[in-house]
Amino acid sequence: MENFFNKDLNESYDVIILGAGPAGCSAGMYAARDALSVLILEKNFPGGNMAITEHIENYPGFTEPVLGHEITDKFVKHAQKFGAVIRQGNCVDVIDDGIWKSVILEDGRKIKCKALIIATGSKPKKTGAKNEINFIGRGISFCATCDGGFFRNKEVIVIGGGDSALEEGIYLTKFASKVTIVHRRNEFRAAKIIQNRAKENKKIHFMTPYVLDEILGENIVTGVKLKNTQTEEIVEYKCDGIFEFIGWDANTDIFTNILELSNDGFIKASENTVTSIPGIFAAGDVRKKGLMQVVTAASDGAVAAKMAEKYINEELKH
């Protein structure tokens, strides 16, 4: 991640990309390869959720599980190879001046671009249980598709009561010996057909009305404490893993006054990543879509870059 922390920046670029996760790096690689000047700005560290995922085993071309930080390094170097500039910087505002879009950084700098790609991602909602932060990636997961295979013949719990929680719980029965779905209410929000499928699965058990109170273990999860929401009784429950599906928060706070967002805060963008403002595109988990995975984020990035290139070379020249 050479020169990531250097602060030398030009006053303008063809394309500015906000976020250096799989969507942002993919967009940067494609745009730079099309001979556009590209700046990728990352608020924290490259990779996003990919970087803090211990193992990734479902990205095409990697037949063995790969460490999240290792594949992040490859994404970054690939973008840099074609000339994309990756810098650390916190965008606090975006201004649409028509032909030019302006990105305002926390330190007051203003950088212009002809096309802006937003790839700021999203973050899973947390339960707030004791020790939760300490066990993320060490037994706590937010993605059954990503991590289900690591829990073969083990016992896991799923937190949540919506469609995602029950669907992911059903998916986890392919691997786990037992799946316990924990929900704060006696009634589930999931569609009846999904509830019926879950109840018919012999590997699935239910604990209601309970919430996650504390995670137990030394280096990895060995169990939990659950609190009854009606009686406040605390019970200990043995498990090897915890999957939390209580929702996602899109990183879109600074775009609320400029872009059209969904009711739950994600950027409304078409499958070709076009947003409500010409010249601004949304890629990856910040965009409202059906599947959040590294491969779909990377795909979004490629599409956004090609749409940005088309916008600059066709739309702006008319």
C-alpha atoms as a PDB file:
ATOM      1  CA  MET A   1       0.000   0.000   0.000  1.00  0.00           C
ATOM      2  CA  GLU A   2       2.779   2.315  -1.062  1.00  0.00           C
ATOM      3  CA  ASN A   3       2.320   6.057  -0.440  1.00  0.00           C
ATOM      4  CA  PHE A   4      -1.127   5.558   1.107  1.00  0.00           C
ATOM      5  CA  PHE A   5      -0.507   8.185   3.771  1.00  0.00           C
ATOM      6  CA  ASN A   6       1.176  10.751   1.513  1.00  0.00           C
ATOM      7  CA  LYS A   7      -0.821  13.969   1.276  1.00  0.00           C
ATOM      8  CA  ASP A   8       0.281  15.238  -2.125  1.00  0.00           C
ATOM      9  CA  LEU A   9      -2.869  15.758  -4.169  1.00  0.00           C
ATOM     10  CA  ASN A  10      -3.711  17.502  -7.419  1.00  0.00           C
ATOM     11  CA  GLU A  11      -6.453  20.127  -7.620  1.00  0.00           C
ATOM     12  CA  SER A  12      -8.510  18.014 -10.027  1.00  0.00           C
ATOM     13  CA  TYR A  13      -8.861  14.502 -11.450  1.00  0.00           C
ATOM     14  CA  ASP A  14     -10.982  12.876 -14.102  1.00  0.00           C
ATOM     15  CA  VAL A  15     -12.430  10.501 -11.500  1.00  0.00           C
ATOM     16  CA  ILE A  16     -12.488  10.583  -7.730  1.00  0.00           C
ATOM     17  CA  ILE A  17     -13.518   7.412  -5.912  1.00  0.00           C
ATOM     18  CA  LEU A  18     -14.633   7.566  -2.289  1.00  0.00           C
ATOM     19  CA  GLY A  19     -13.663   4.316  -0.586  1.00  0.00           C
ATOM     20  CA  ALA A  20     -10.843   1.827  -1.153  1.00  0.00           C
ATOM     21  CA  GLY A  21     -12.754  -1.398  -0.565  1.00  0.00           C
ATOM     22  CA  PRO A  22     -13.277  -4.001  -3.307  1.00  0.00           C
ATOM     23  CA  ALA A  23     -15.687  -1.705  -5.196  1.00  0.00           C
ATOM     24  CA  GLY A  24     -13.416   1.326  -4.970  1.00  0.00           C
ATOM     25  CA  CYS A  25     -10.214  -0.509  -5.897  1.00  0.00           C
ATOM     26  CA  SER A  26     -11.923  -2.304  -8.787  1.00  0.00           C
ATOM     27  CA  ALA A  27     -13.309   1.009 -10.058  1.00  0.00           C
ATOM     28  CA  GLY A  28      -9.885   2.602  -9.703  1.00  0.00           C
ATOM     29  CA  MET A  29      -8.180  -0.152 -11.632  1.00  0.00           C
ATOM     30  CA  TYR A  30     -10.685  -0.045 -14.497  1.00  0.00           C
ATOM     31  CA  ALA A  31     -10.781   3.752 -14.706  1.00  0.00           C
ATOM     32  CA  ALA A  32      -6.984   4.141 -14.594  1.00  0.00           C
ATOM     33  CA  ARG A  33      -6.613   1.419 -17.206  1.00  0.00           C
ATOM     34  CA  ASP A  34      -8.853   3.557 -19.443  1.00  0.00           C
ATOM     35  CA  ALA A  35      -6.219   6.329 -19.191  1.00  0.00           C
ATOM     36  CA  LEU A  36      -8.242   8.490 -16.812  1.00  0.00           C
ATOM     37  CA  SER A  37      -6.587  10.305 -13.927  1.00  0.00           C
ATOM     38  CA  VAL A  38      -7.920   8.626 -10.793  1.00  0.00           C
ATOM     39  CA  LEU A  39      -7.838   9.466  -7.092  1.00  0.00           C
ATOM     40  CA  ILE A  40      -9.124   6.950  -4.558  1.00  0.00           C
ATOM     41  CA  LEU A  41      -9.791   8.512  -1.147  1.00  0.00           C
ATOM     42  CA  GLU A  42     -10.082   6.220   1.869  1.00  0.00           C
ATOM     43  CA  LYS A  43     -11.197   7.498   5.267  1.00  0.00           C
ATOM     44  CA  ASN A  44      -9.753   4.683   7.362  1.00  0.00           C
ATOM     45  CA  PHE A  45      -7.779   1.874   5.731  1.00  0.00           C
ATOM     46  CA  PRO A  46      -7.994   0.092   2.358  1.00  0.00           C
ATOM     47  CA  GLY A  47     -10.181  -2.979   2.056  1.00  0.00           C
ATOM     48  CA  GLY A  48     -13.164  -2.009   4.169  1.00  0.00           C
ATOM     49  CA  ASN A  49     -15.037  -5.035   5.515  1.00  0.00           C
ATOM     50  CA  MET A  50     -12.896  -7.251   3.287  1.00  0.00           C
ATOM     51  CA  ALA A  51      -9.749  -6.260   5.183  1.00  0.00           C
ATOM     52  CA  ILE A  52     -11.149  -7.286   8.572  1.00  0.00           C
ATOM     53  CA  THR A  53     -12.516 -10.621   7.342  1.00  0.00           C
ATOM     54  CA  GLU A  54     -10.204 -13.331   8.598  1.00  0.00           C
ATOM     55  CA  HIS A  55     -10.620 -15.747   5.681  1.00  0.00           C
ATOM     56  CA  ILE A  56     -12.325 -15.403   2.304  1.00  0.00           C
ATOM     57  CA  GLU A  57     -12.989 -18.643   0.451  1.00  0.00           C
ATOM     58  CA  ASN A  58     -15.590 -17.707  -2.163  1.00  0.00           C
ATOM     59  CA  TYR A  59     -13.762 -15.194  -4.350  1.00  0.00           C
ATOM     60  CA  PRO A  60     -13.206 -16.682  -7.831  1.00  0.00           C
ATOM     61  CA  GLY A  61      -9.658 -17.760  -8.573  1.00  0.00           C
ATOM     62  CA  PHE A  62      -8.649 -18.437  -4.967  1.00  0.00           C
ATOM     63  CA  THR A  63      -9.200 -22.146  -4.447  1.00  0.00           C
ATOM     64  CA  GLU A  64      -7.939 -22.014  -0.861  1.00  0.00           C
ATOM     65  CA  PRO A  65      -9.114 -19.580   1.826  1.00  0.00           C
ATOM     66  CA  VAL A  66      -7.211 -16.275   1.619  1.00  0.00           C
ATOM     67  CA  LEU A  67      -6.686 -13.797   4.441  1.00  0.00           C
ATOM     68  CA  GLY A  68      -8.749 -10.650   4.055  1.00  0.00           C
ATOM     69  CA  HIS A  69      -5.761  -8.345   4.393  1.00  0.00           C
ATOM     70  CA  GLU A  70      -3.831 -10.328   1.770  1.00  0.00           C
ATOM     71  CA  ILE A  71      -6.496 -10.010  -0.916  1.00  0.00           C
ATOM     72  CA  THR A  72      -6.874  -6.328   0.063  1.00  0.00           C
ATOM     73  CA  ASP A  73      -3.189  -5.790  -0.692  1.00  0.00           C
ATOM     74  CA  LYS A  74      -3.639  -7.396  -4.117  1.00  0.00           C
ATOM     75  CA  PHE A  75      -6.647  -5.171  -4.905  1.00  0.00           C
ATOM     76  CA  VAL A  76      -4.711  -2.032  -3.933  1.00  0.00           C
ATOM     77  CA  LYS A  77      -1.583  -2.950  -5.895  1.00  0.00           C
ATOM     78  CA  HIS A  78      -3.652  -3.816  -8.974  1.00  0.00           C
ATOM     79  CA  ALA A  79      -5.266  -0.359  -8.950  1.00  0.00           C
ATOM     80  CA  GLN A  80      -1.894   1.307  -8.397  1.00  0.00           C
ATOM     81  CA  LYS A  81      -0.316  -0.671 -11.223  1.00  0.00           C
ATOM     82  CA  PHE A  82      -2.410   1.223 -13.776  1.00  0.00           C
ATOM     83  CA  GLY A  83      -1.842   4.586 -12.151  1.00  0.00           C
ATOM     84  CA  ALA A  84      -4.644   5.065  -9.656  1.00  0.00           C
ATOM     85  CA  VAL A  85      -3.545   7.280  -6.746  1.00  0.00           C
ATOM     86  CA  ILE A  86      -4.707   6.038  -3.337  1.00  0.00           C
ATOM     87  CA  ARG A  87      -4.635   8.470  -0.438  1.00  0.00           C
ATOM     88  CA  GLN A  88      -6.059   8.698   3.034  1.00  0.00           C
ATOM     89  CA  GLY A  89      -8.640  11.454   3.320  1.00  0.00           C
ATOM     90  CA  ASN A  90     -12.000  12.022   4.959  1.00  0.00           C
ATOM     91  CA  CYS A  91     -14.634  13.512   2.659  1.00  0.00           C
ATOM     92  CA  VAL A  92     -17.108  15.652   4.614  1.00  0.00           C
ATOM     93  CA  ASP A  93     -19.110  17.133   1.749  1.00  0.00           C
ATOM     94  CA  VAL A  94     -19.799  16.798  -1.975  1.00  0.00           C
ATOM     95  CA  ILE A  95     -20.796  19.731  -4.199  1.00  0.00           C
ATOM     96  CA  ASP A  96     -22.359  19.315  -7.639  1.00  0.00           C
ATOM     97  CA  ASP A  97     -21.347  22.209  -9.873  1.00  0.00           C
ATOM     98  CA  GLY A  98     -22.576  20.602 -13.076  1.00  0.00           C
ATOM     99  CA  ILE A  99     -19.544  19.673 -15.165  1.00  0.00           C
ATOM    100  CA  TRP A 100     -17.354  19.536 -12.074  1.00  0.00           C
ATOM    101  CA  LYS A 101     -18.039  17.725  -8.824  1.00  0.00           C
ATOM    102  CA  SER A 102     -16.142  18.934  -5.766  1.00  0.00           C
ATOM    103  CA  VAL A 103     -15.042  16.800  -2.830  1.00  0.00           C
ATOM    104  CA  ILE A 104     -14.431  18.710   0.407  1.00  0.00           C
ATOM    105  CA  LEU A 105     -11.967  17.074   2.803  1.00  0.00           C
ATOM    106  CA  GLU A 106     -11.968  17.308   6.574  1.00  0.00           C
ATOM    107  CA  ASP A 107      -8.839  19.471   6.482  1.00  0.00           C
ATOM    108  CA  GLY A 108     -10.587  21.989   4.222  1.00  0.00           C
ATOM    109  CA  ARG A 109      -9.058  21.011   0.888  1.00  0.00           C
ATOM    110  CA  LYS A 110     -11.319  21.063  -2.163  1.00  0.00           C
ATOM    111  CA  ILE A 111     -10.609  18.645  -5.003  1.00  0.00           C
ATOM    112  CA  LYS A 112     -12.551  18.647  -8.277  1.00  0.00           C
ATOM    113  CA  CYS A 113     -13.452  15.777 -10.603  1.00  0.00           C
ATOM    114  CA  LYS A 114     -15.497  15.206 -13.725  1.00  0.00           C
ATOM    115  CA  ALA A 115     -17.030  11.993 -12.390  1.00  0.00           C
ATOM    116  CA  LEU A 116     -17.476  10.827  -8.813  1.00  0.00           C
ATOM    117  CA  ILE A 117     -17.813   7.178  -7.775  1.00  0.00           C
ATOM    118  CA  ILE A 118     -19.141   6.585  -4.269  1.00  0.00           C
ATOM    119  CA  ALA A 119     -17.924   3.292  -2.808  1.00  0.00           C
ATOM    120  CA  THR A 120     -18.109   4.061   0.896  1.00  0.00           C
ATOM    121  CA  GLY A 121     -19.734   0.723   1.747  1.00  0.00           C
ATOM    122  CA  SER A 122     -21.874  -0.149   4.730  1.00  0.00           C
ATOM    123  CA  LYS A 123     -21.398  -1.598   8.162  1.00  0.00           C
ATOM    124  CA  PRO A 124     -23.405  -4.277   9.960  1.00  0.00           C
ATOM    125  CA  LYS A 125     -25.481  -3.171  12.897  1.00  0.00           C
ATOM    126  CA  LYS A 126     -24.161  -4.467  16.210  1.00  0.00           C
ATOM    127  CA  THR A 127     -26.157  -5.794  19.167  1.00  0.00           C
ATOM    128  CA  GLY A 128     -24.140  -3.904  21.776  1.00  0.00           C
ATOM    129  CA  ALA A 129     -23.542  -7.062  23.828  1.00  0.00           C
ATOM    130  CA  LYS A 130     -20.611  -7.206  26.243  1.00  0.00           C
ATOM    131  CA  ASN A 131     -17.334  -8.269  24.571  1.00  0.00           C
ATOM    132  CA  GLU A 132     -18.952  -8.113  21.128  1.00  0.00           C
ATOM    133  CA  ILE A 133     -16.228  -5.985  19.525  1.00  0.00           C
ATOM    134  CA  ASN A 134     -13.486  -8.291  20.842  1.00  0.00           C
ATOM    135  CA  PHE A 135     -14.909 -11.356  19.080  1.00  0.00           C
ATOM    136  CA  ILE A 136     -15.676  -9.960  15.632  1.00  0.00           C
ATOM    137  CA  GLY A 137     -13.797 -12.253  13.246  1.00  0.00           C
ATOM    138  CA  ARG A 138     -13.135 -14.692  16.101  1.00  0.00           C
ATOM    139  CA  GLY A 139     -16.505 -16.372  16.193  1.00  0.00           C
ATOM    140  CA  ILE A 140     -18.795 -13.447  15.393  1.00  0.00           C
ATOM    141  CA  SER A 141     -19.750 -13.084  11.741  1.00  0.00           C
ATOM    142  CA  PHE A 142     -22.199 -11.002   9.758  1.00  0.00           C
ATOM    143  CA  CYS A 143     -22.201 -13.148   6.618  1.00  0.00           C
ATOM    144  CA  ALA A 144     -23.273 -16.802   6.451  1.00  0.00           C
ATOM    145  CA  THR A 145     -22.279 -17.058   2.794  1.00  0.00           C
ATOM    146  CA  CYS A 146     -18.772 -15.848   3.670  1.00  0.00           C
ATOM    147  CA  ASP A 147     -18.135 -17.815   6.855  1.00  0.00           C
ATOM    148  CA  GLY A 148     -20.632 -20.671   7.076  1.00  0.00           C
ATOM    149  CA  GLY A 149     -18.084 -23.213   5.850  1.00  0.00           C
ATOM    150  CA  PHE A 150     -15.859 -22.558   8.862  1.00  0.00           C
ATOM    151  CA  PHE A 151     -18.531 -23.941  11.197  1.00  0.00           C
ATOM    152  CA  ARG A 152     -18.944 -27.448   9.862  1.00  0.00           C
ATOM    153  CA  ASN A 153     -20.386 -29.781  12.508  1.00  0.00           C
ATOM    154  CA  LYS A 154     -20.418 -26.983  15.079  1.00  0.00           C
ATOM    155  CA  GLU A 155     -23.193 -25.241  16.987  1.00  0.00           C
ATOM    156  CA  VAL A 156     -24.013 -21.627  16.093  1.00  0.00           C
ATOM    157  CA  ILE A 157     -26.606 -19.056  17.024  1.00  0.00           C
ATOM    158  CA  VAL A 158     -28.251 -16.538  14.721  1.00  0.00           C
ATOM    159  CA  ILE A 159     -29.400 -13.157  16.048  1.00  0.00           C
ATOM    160  CA  GLY A 160     -32.420 -11.597  14.348  1.00  0.00           C
ATOM    161  CA  GLY A 161     -36.016 -12.164  13.348  1.00  0.00           C
ATOM    162  CA  GLY A 162     -36.336 -10.874   9.812  1.00  0.00           C
ATOM    163  CA  ASP A 163     -36.086 -12.542   6.414  1.00  0.00           C
ATOM    164  CA  SER A 164     -32.289 -12.349   6.364  1.00  0.00           C
ATOM    165  CA  ALA A 165     -31.852 -13.933   9.799  1.00  0.00           C
ATOM    166  CA  LEU A 166     -34.091 -16.914   9.044  1.00  0.00           C
ATOM    167  CA  GLU A 167     -32.831 -17.390   5.494  1.00  0.00           C
ATOM    168  CA  GLU A 168     -29.216 -17.292   6.659  1.00  0.00           C
ATOM    169  CA  GLY A 169     -30.109 -19.633   9.508  1.00  0.00           C
ATOM    170  CA  ILE A 170     -31.513 -22.127   7.006  1.00  0.00           C
ATOM    171  CA  TYR A 171     -28.371 -21.739   4.887  1.00  0.00           C
ATOM    172  CA  LEU A 172     -26.150 -22.418   7.903  1.00  0.00           C
ATOM    173  CA  THR A 173     -27.778 -25.820   8.441  1.00  0.00           C
ATOM    174  CA  LYS A 174     -25.746 -27.004   5.441  1.00  0.00           C
ATOM    175  CA  PHE A 175     -22.690 -26.796   7.668  1.00  0.00           C
ATOM    176  CA  ALA A 176     -23.566 -26.497  11.353  1.00  0.00           C
ATOM    177  CA  SER A 177     -24.802 -29.386  13.449  1.00  0.00           C
ATOM    178  CA  LYS A 178     -27.231 -27.078  15.244  1.00  0.00           C
ATOM    179  CA  VAL A 179     -28.530 -23.572  14.529  1.00  0.00           C
ATOM    180  CA  THR A 180     -30.347 -21.649  17.252  1.00  0.00           C
ATOM    181  CA  ILE A 181     -32.208 -18.524  16.182  1.00  0.00           C
ATOM    182  CA  VAL A 182     -32.406 -15.922  18.958  1.00  0.00           C
ATOM    183  CA  HIS A 183     -34.980 -13.154  18.658  1.00  0.00           C
ATOM    184  CA  ARG A 184     -36.045 -10.419  21.062  1.00  0.00           C
ATOM    185  CA  ARG A 185     -39.752 -11.029  20.407  1.00  0.00           C
ATOM    186  CA  ASN A 186     -41.929 -14.132  20.291  1.00  0.00           C
ATOM    187  CA  GLU A 187     -43.133 -13.164  16.822  1.00  0.00           C
ATOM    188  CA  PHE A 188     -40.834 -13.025  13.805  1.00  0.00           C
ATOM    189  CA  ARG A 189     -40.847 -10.319  11.133  1.00  0.00           C
ATOM    190  CA  ALA A 190     -39.826 -12.777   8.425  1.00  0.00           C
ATOM    191  CA  ALA A 191     -42.311 -13.810   5.751  1.00  0.00           C
ATOM    192  CA  LYS A 192     -44.522 -16.723   6.791  1.00  0.00           C
ATOM    193  CA  ILE A 193     -43.155 -18.993   4.079  1.00  0.00           C
ATOM    194  CA  ILE A 194     -39.607 -18.450   5.377  1.00  0.00           C
ATOM    195  CA  GLN A 195     -40.725 -18.994   8.975  1.00  0.00           C
ATOM    196  CA  ASN A 196     -42.328 -22.290   7.958  1.00  0.00           C
ATOM    197  CA  ARG A 197     -39.183 -23.474   6.217  1.00  0.00           C
ATOM    198  CA  ALA A 198     -37.132 -22.675   9.296  1.00  0.00           C
ATOM    199  CA  LYS A 199     -39.560 -24.410  11.653  1.00  0.00           C
ATOM    200  CA  GLU A 200     -39.601 -27.506   9.461  1.00  0.00           C
ATOM    201  CA  ASN A 201     -35.797 -27.784   9.511  1.00  0.00           C
ATOM    202  CA  LYS A 202     -34.764 -30.258  12.223  1.00  0.00           C
ATOM    203  CA  LYS A 203     -31.410 -28.564  12.741  1.00  0.00           C
ATOM    204  CA  ILE A 204     -32.998 -25.237  13.671  1.00  0.00           C
ATOM    205  CA  HIS A 205     -34.027 -24.355  17.209  1.00  0.00           C
ATOM    206  CA  PHE A 206     -35.529 -21.130  18.567  1.00  0.00           C
ATOM    207  CA  MET A 207     -34.979 -19.042  21.688  1.00  0.00           C
ATOM    208  CA  THR A 208     -37.514 -16.261  22.183  1.00  0.00           C
ATOM    209  CA  PRO A 209     -37.879 -13.669  23.577  1.00  0.00           C
ATOM    210  CA  TYR A 210     -34.135 -13.286  24.230  1.00  0.00           C
ATOM    211  CA  VAL A 211     -31.369 -10.833  23.350  1.00  0.00           C
ATOM    212  CA  LEU A 212     -27.629 -11.299  23.258  1.00  0.00           C
ATOM    213  CA  ASP A 213     -26.234  -9.973  26.553  1.00  0.00           C
ATOM    214  CA  GLU A 214     -22.604 -11.141  26.649  1.00  0.00           C
ATOM    215  CA  ILE A 215     -20.156 -13.207  24.586  1.00  0.00           C
ATOM    216  CA  LEU A 216     -18.094 -15.811  26.429  1.00  0.00           C
ATOM    217  CA  GLY A 217     -14.672 -17.222  25.565  1.00  0.00           C
ATOM    218  CA  GLU A 218     -10.958 -16.509  25.627  1.00  0.00           C
ATOM    219  CA  ASN A 219      -9.587 -16.186  22.080  1.00  0.00           C
ATOM    220  CA  ILE A 220     -12.672 -17.566  20.330  1.00  0.00           C
ATOM    221  CA  VAL A 221     -16.378 -17.760  21.078  1.00  0.00           C
ATOM    222  CA  THR A 222     -17.338 -20.645  23.372  1.00  0.00           C
ATOM    223  CA  GLY A 223     -20.762 -19.489  24.462  1.00  0.00           C
ATOM    224  CA  VAL A 224     -23.081 -16.604  25.233  1.00  0.00           C
ATOM    225  CA  LYS A 225     -25.279 -15.147  27.906  1.00  0.00           C
ATOM    226  CA  LEU A 226     -28.823 -14.472  26.746  1.00  0.00           C
ATOM    227  CA  LYS A 227     -31.320 -12.233  28.542  1.00  0.00           C
ATOM    228  CA  ASN A 228     -35.057 -12.813  28.478  1.00  0.00           C
ATOM    229  CA  THR A 229     -36.692  -9.534  27.401  1.00  0.00           C
ATOM    230  CA  GLN A 230     -39.787 -10.208  29.540  1.00  0.00           C
ATOM    231  CA  THR A 231     -38.371 -11.660  32.762  1.00  0.00           C
ATOM    232  CA  GLU A 232     -34.764 -10.366  32.469  1.00  0.00           C
ATOM    233  CA  GLU A 233     -33.588 -13.885  33.348  1.00  0.00           C
ATOM    234  CA  ILE A 234     -29.984 -14.544  32.202  1.00  0.00           C
ATOM    235  CA  VAL A 235     -29.113 -17.964  30.780  1.00  0.00           C
ATOM    236  CA  GLU A 236     -25.799 -19.303  29.509  1.00  0.00           C
ATOM    237  CA  TYR A 237     -25.818 -21.051  26.153  1.00  0.00           C
ATOM    238  CA  LYS A 238     -22.981 -23.026  24.564  1.00  0.00           C
ATOM    239  CA  CYS A 239     -22.108 -22.246  20.959  1.00  0.00           C
ATOM    240  CA  ASP A 240     -19.098 -22.069  18.637  1.00  0.00           C
ATOM    241  CA  GLY A 241     -20.169 -19.100  16.567  1.00  0.00           C
ATOM    242  CA  ILE A 242     -22.557 -16.156  16.379  1.00  0.00           C
ATOM    243  CA  PHE A 243     -24.121 -14.780  13.206  1.00  0.00           C
ATOM    244  CA  GLU A 244     -25.746 -11.372  13.568  1.00  0.00           C
ATOM    245  CA  PHE A 245     -28.422 -10.290  11.078  1.00  0.00           C
ATOM    246  CA  ILE A 246     -30.114  -7.251  12.534  1.00  0.00           C
ATOM    247  CA  GLY A 247     -29.481  -4.965   9.571  1.00  0.00           C
ATOM    248  CA  TRP A 248     -26.892  -2.796   7.838  1.00  0.00           C
ATOM    249  CA  ASP A 249     -26.093   0.903   8.029  1.00  0.00           C
ATOM    250  CA  ALA A 250     -24.937   2.457   4.765  1.00  0.00           C
ATOM    251  CA  ASN A 251     -22.132   5.017   5.018  1.00  0.00           C
ATOM    252  CA  THR A 252     -24.186   7.755   3.368  1.00  0.00           C
ATOM    253  CA  ASP A 253     -24.516  10.481   6.008  1.00  0.00           C
ATOM    254  CA  ILE A 254     -22.789  13.134   3.888  1.00  0.00           C
ATOM    255  CA  PHE A 255     -24.927  12.393   0.827  1.00  0.00           C
ATOM    256  CA  THR A 256     -28.385  12.851   2.345  1.00  0.00           C
ATOM    257  CA  ASN A 257     -28.791  16.373   0.938  1.00  0.00           C
ATOM    258  CA  ILE A 258     -27.465  15.657  -2.538  1.00  0.00           C
ATOM    259  CA  LEU A 259     -28.505  12.139  -3.602  1.00  0.00           C
ATOM    260  CA  GLU A 260     -31.724  10.159  -3.580  1.00  0.00           C
ATOM    261  CA  LEU A 261     -31.561   7.509  -0.856  1.00  0.00           C
ATOM    262  CA  SER A 262     -33.763   4.547   0.021  1.00  0.00           C
ATOM    263  CA  ASN A 263     -35.816   4.567   3.216  1.00  0.00           C
ATOM    264  CA  ASP A 264     -33.062   2.643   4.985  1.00  0.00           C
ATOM    265  CA  GLY A 265     -30.329   5.020   3.881  1.00  0.00           C
ATOM    266  CA  PHE A 266     -28.733   3.295   0.883  1.00  0.00           C
ATOM    267  CA  ILE A 267     -28.033   5.161  -2.353  1.00  0.00           C
ATOM    268  CA  LYS A 268     -30.643   4.550  -5.013  1.00  0.00           C
ATOM    269  CA  ALA A 269     -28.731   3.540  -8.129  1.00  0.00           C
ATOM    270  CA  SER A 270     -29.528   1.422 -11.154  1.00  0.00           C
ATOM    271  CA  GLU A 271     -27.748  -1.823 -12.002  1.00  0.00           C
ATOM    272  CA  ASN A 272     -25.354   0.278 -14.073  1.00  0.00           C
ATOM    273  CA  THR A 273     -24.580   2.280 -10.873  1.00  0.00           C
ATOM    274  CA  VAL A 274     -26.129   5.554 -12.132  1.00  0.00           C
ATOM    275  CA  THR A 275     -27.505   7.724  -9.304  1.00  0.00           C
ATOM    276  CA  SER A 276     -30.000  10.581  -9.290  1.00  0.00           C
ATOM    277  CA  ILE A 277     -27.249  13.043 -10.324  1.00  0.00           C
ATOM    278  CA  PRO A 278     -25.471  12.786 -13.707  1.00  0.00           C
ATOM    279  CA  GLY A 279     -21.778  12.092 -13.226  1.00  0.00           C
ATOM    280  CA  ILE A 280     -22.154  10.539  -9.784  1.00  0.00           C
ATOM    281  CA  PHE A 281     -22.139   6.752  -9.524  1.00  0.00           C
ATOM    282  CA  ALA A 282     -22.580   4.346  -6.588  1.00  0.00           C
ATOM    283  CA  ALA A 283     -20.806   0.997  -6.352  1.00  0.00           C
ATOM    284  CA  GLY A 284     -20.665  -1.807  -3.819  1.00  0.00           C
ATOM    285  CA  ASP A 285     -22.444  -2.144  -0.501  1.00  0.00           C
ATOM    286  CA  VAL A 286     -23.447   1.532  -0.375  1.00  0.00           C
ATOM    287  CA  ARG A 287     -25.844   0.847  -3.251  1.00  0.00           C
ATOM    288  CA  LYS A 288     -29.252  -0.729  -2.593  1.00  0.00           C
ATOM    289  CA  LYS A 289     -28.966  -4.286  -3.935  1.00  0.00           C
ATOM    290  CA  GLY A 290     -29.710  -7.917  -3.198  1.00  0.00           C
ATOM    291  CA  LEU A 291     -26.336  -9.488  -2.384  1.00  0.00           C
ATOM    292  CA  MET A 292     -23.403  -7.963  -0.502  1.00  0.00           C
ATOM    293  CA  GLN A 293     -20.239  -9.874  -1.380  1.00  0.00           C
ATOM    294  CA  VAL A 294     -16.678  -9.049  -2.417  1.00  0.00           C
ATOM    295  CA  VAL A 295     -17.395 -10.344  -5.915  1.00  0.00           C
ATOM    296  CA  THR A 296     -20.526  -8.215  -6.373  1.00  0.00           C
ATOM    297  CA  ALA A 297     -18.749  -5.129  -5.016  1.00  0.00           C
ATOM    298  CA  ALA A 298     -15.853  -5.646  -7.423  1.00  0.00           C
ATOM    299  CA  SER A 299     -18.329  -6.104 -10.261  1.00  0.00           C
ATOM    300  CA  ASP A 300     -20.080  -2.868  -9.318  1.00  0.00           C
ATOM    301  CA  GLY A 301     -16.736  -1.066  -9.326  1.00  0.00           C
ATOM    302  CA  ALA A 302     -15.963  -2.220 -12.852  1.00  0.00           C
ATOM    303  CA  VAL A 303     -19.401  -1.113 -14.088  1.00  0.00           C
ATOM    304  CA  ALA A 304     -19.125   2.265 -12.353  1.00  0.00           C
ATOM    305  CA  ALA A 305     -15.714   2.926 -13.889  1.00  0.00           C
ATOM    306  CA  LYS A 306     -16.928   2.151 -17.406  1.00  0.00           C
ATOM    307  CA  MET A 307     -20.014   4.329 -16.897  1.00  0.00           C
ATOM    308  CA  ALA A 308     -17.800   7.157 -15.603  1.00  0.00           C
ATOM    309  CA  GLU A 309     -15.512   6.816 -18.622  1.00  0.00           C
ATOM    310  CA  LYS A 310     -18.531   6.924 -20.937  1.00  0.00           C
ATOM    311  CA  TYR A 311     -19.939   9.953 -19.130  1.00  0.00           C
ATOM    312  CA  ILE A 312     -16.656  11.889 -19.378  1.00  0.00           C
ATOM    313  CA  ASN A 313     -15.900  11.037 -22.989  1.00  0.00           C
ATOM    314  CA  GLU A 314     -19.434  11.222 -24.362  1.00  0.00           C
ATOM    315  CA  GLU A 315     -21.823  13.189 -22.174  1.00  0.00           C
ATOM    316  CA  LEU A 316     -19.451  16.010 -21.203  1.00  0.00           C
ATOM    317  CA  LYS A 317     -18.350  16.585 -24.799  1.00  0.00           C
ATOM    318  CA  HIS A 318     -21.847  17.280 -26.094  1.00  0.00           C
END
